[in-house]
Amino acid sequence: FEGAAAFLKDHAAEEMQHMQKLFDYVLETGGKPLLGQIDAPKSDYESIREVFEITLAHEKEITKAINELVATAFENKDFSTFNFLQWYVAEQHEEENLFQGIIDKMDLLGGHPKNLFFVDKEIGKLATATVQ
């Protein structure tokens, strides 16, 4: 699945940019960004669809965390942070829509190897299109 591999590699780089943007904001506002231990992700999957299902579930968890940050910023009248986080709110909407769309295409075409070949090619086209 070369297309999916390229897409996921580019997507990981994009996620690092998102983290750096958050770290920069914390530093600019006088905070000290801390990064705790991150456990290694699962590395053995039953199918390519499972990879995208797990990724979508992870994106939904990130959305939940961002929404909690937005609510906290608003409740504390930290409108600068509230405004800053709006970019992440919109980004998460895009992320969830993107991964759900990939899963939907897989479901539409079914799991036959020939169909997965074409889905992989389509996912590969997204590789450089999603890096911001």
Protein backbone atom coordinates (compact mmCIF):
# COMPACT_ATOMS: atom_id res chain seq x y z
CA PHE A 1 0.00 0.00 0.00
CA GLU A 2 2.47 2.59 -1.23
CA GLY A 3 -0.16 5.30 -1.58
CA ALA A 4 -1.41 4.89 1.97
CA ALA A 5 2.17 4.78 3.27
CA ALA A 6 3.05 8.05 1.52
CA PHE A 7 -0.15 9.68 2.72
CA LEU A 8 0.35 8.60 6.33
CA LYS A 9 4.00 9.69 6.29
CA ASP A 10 3.01 13.14 5.01
CA HIS A 11 0.15 13.27 7.49
CA ALA A 12 2.53 12.52 10.37
CA ALA A 13 4.74 15.43 9.24
CA GLU A 14 1.66 17.66 9.16
CA GLU A 15 0.76 16.61 12.70
CA MET A 16 4.27 17.56 13.84
CA GLN A 17 3.74 21.02 12.33
CA HIS A 18 0.49 21.32 14.28
CA MET A 19 2.31 20.41 17.49
CA GLN A 20 5.05 22.94 16.76
CA LYS A 21 2.44 25.64 16.16
CA LEU A 22 0.93 24.90 19.58
CA PHE A 23 4.36 24.87 21.26
CA ASP A 24 5.20 28.23 19.65
CA TYR A 25 1.96 29.74 20.94
CA VAL A 26 2.60 28.48 24.47
CA LEU A 27 6.12 29.98 24.38
CA GLU A 28 4.86 33.28 22.95
CA THR A 29 2.38 33.61 25.80
CA GLY A 30 4.97 32.96 28.49
CA GLY A 31 4.23 29.31 29.08
CA LYS A 32 6.49 26.32 29.11
CA PRO A 33 5.40 23.58 26.71
CA LEU A 34 5.97 20.10 28.06
CA LEU A 35 5.77 16.90 26.10
CA GLY A 36 5.22 13.74 28.08
CA GLN A 37 5.96 10.21 27.03
CA ILE A 38 4.19 9.06 23.91
CA ASP A 39 3.69 5.33 23.65
CA ALA A 40 4.58 3.63 20.39
CA PRO A 41 1.53 3.06 18.21
CA LYS A 42 0.24 -0.35 17.31
CA SER A 43 2.26 -1.82 14.44
CA ASP A 44 0.34 -4.94 13.44
CA TYR A 45 -2.99 -4.47 11.69
CA GLU A 46 -5.54 -6.87 10.24
CA SER A 47 -6.19 -4.63 7.23
CA ILE A 48 -5.51 -1.24 5.71
CA ARG A 49 -9.05 -0.29 6.70
CA GLU A 50 -8.18 -0.95 10.35
CA VAL A 51 -5.29 1.53 10.08
CA PHE A 52 -7.70 4.23 8.98
CA GLU A 53 -10.35 3.25 11.54
CA ILE A 54 -7.82 3.57 14.36
CA THR A 55 -6.56 6.85 12.95
CA LEU A 56 -10.11 8.22 12.75
CA ALA A 57 -10.77 7.16 16.35
CA HIS A 58 -7.55 8.93 17.39
CA GLU A 59 -8.59 12.10 15.53
CA LYS A 60 -11.92 12.02 17.38
CA GLU A 61 -10.05 11.84 20.69
CA ILE A 62 -7.94 14.82 19.64
CA THR A 63 -11.10 16.72 18.70
CA LYS A 64 -12.53 16.01 22.15
CA ALA A 65 -9.34 17.27 23.83
CA ILE A 66 -9.28 20.44 21.71
CA ASN A 67 -12.93 21.11 22.48
CA GLU A 68 -12.13 20.83 26.19
CA LEU A 69 -9.26 23.31 25.78
CA VAL A 70 -11.54 25.71 23.91
CA ALA A 71 -14.17 25.48 26.65
CA THR A 72 -11.57 26.07 29.36
CA ALA A 73 -10.11 29.07 27.54
CA PHE A 74 -13.59 30.57 27.13
CA GLU A 75 -14.59 29.91 30.74
CA ASN A 76 -11.38 31.62 31.90
CA LYS A 77 -11.94 34.55 29.53
CA ASP A 78 -8.64 33.80 27.82
CA PHE A 79 -9.89 35.05 24.49
CA SER A 80 -6.47 35.07 22.86
CA THR A 81 -6.13 31.33 23.44
CA PHE A 82 -9.78 30.80 22.54
CA ASN A 83 -9.14 32.55 19.23
CA PHE A 84 -5.89 30.65 18.62
CA LEU A 85 -7.61 27.31 19.18
CA GLN A 86 -10.28 28.02 16.56
CA TRP A 87 -7.77 27.01 13.89
CA TYR A 88 -7.47 23.61 15.56
CA VAL A 89 -11.26 23.27 15.77
CA ALA A 90 -11.54 23.79 12.00
CA GLU A 91 -8.54 21.55 11.33
CA GLN A 92 -10.05 18.69 13.33
CA HIS A 93 -13.27 18.95 11.35
CA GLU A 94 -11.19 18.54 8.19
CA GLU A 95 -9.20 15.64 9.66
CA GLU A 96 -12.25 13.67 10.72
CA ASN A 97 -13.92 14.30 7.37
CA LEU A 98 -10.78 13.21 5.50
CA PHE A 99 -10.37 9.90 7.34
CA GLN A 100 -14.09 9.14 7.30
CA GLY A 101 -14.06 9.75 3.55
CA ILE A 102 -11.22 7.27 3.05
CA ILE A 103 -13.07 4.65 5.08
CA ASP A 104 -16.27 5.34 3.15
CA LYS A 105 -14.45 4.80 -0.16
CA MET A 106 -13.10 1.49 1.10
CA ASP A 107 -16.59 0.45 2.17
CA LEU A 108 -18.09 1.51 -1.14
CA LEU A 109 -15.59 -0.48 -3.18
CA GLY A 110 -15.31 -3.44 -0.84
CA GLY A 111 -12.24 -5.30 0.33
CA HIS A 112 -11.34 -7.13 -2.88
CA PRO A 113 -7.59 -6.76 -3.56
CA LYS A 114 -8.19 -5.14 -6.96
CA ASN A 115 -10.44 -2.55 -5.37
CA LEU A 116 -7.93 -1.87 -2.60
CA PHE A 117 -5.31 -1.26 -5.28
CA PHE A 118 -7.41 1.59 -6.69
CA VAL A 119 -8.25 2.98 -3.25
CA ASP A 120 -4.55 2.99 -2.41
CA LYS A 121 -3.81 4.96 -5.58
CA GLU A 122 -6.46 7.53 -4.60
CA ILE A 123 -5.06 7.79 -1.07
CA GLY A 124 -1.60 8.33 -2.56
CA LYS A 125 -2.92 11.35 -4.47
CA LEU A 126 -3.84 12.89 -1.12
CA ALA A 127 -0.26 12.56 0.15
CA THR A 128 1.14 15.94 -0.81
CA ALA A 129 -2.28 17.60 -1.05
CA THR A 130 -2.81 17.49 2.73
CA VAL A 131 0.53 18.88 3.94
CA GLN A 132 0.06 22.45 5.13
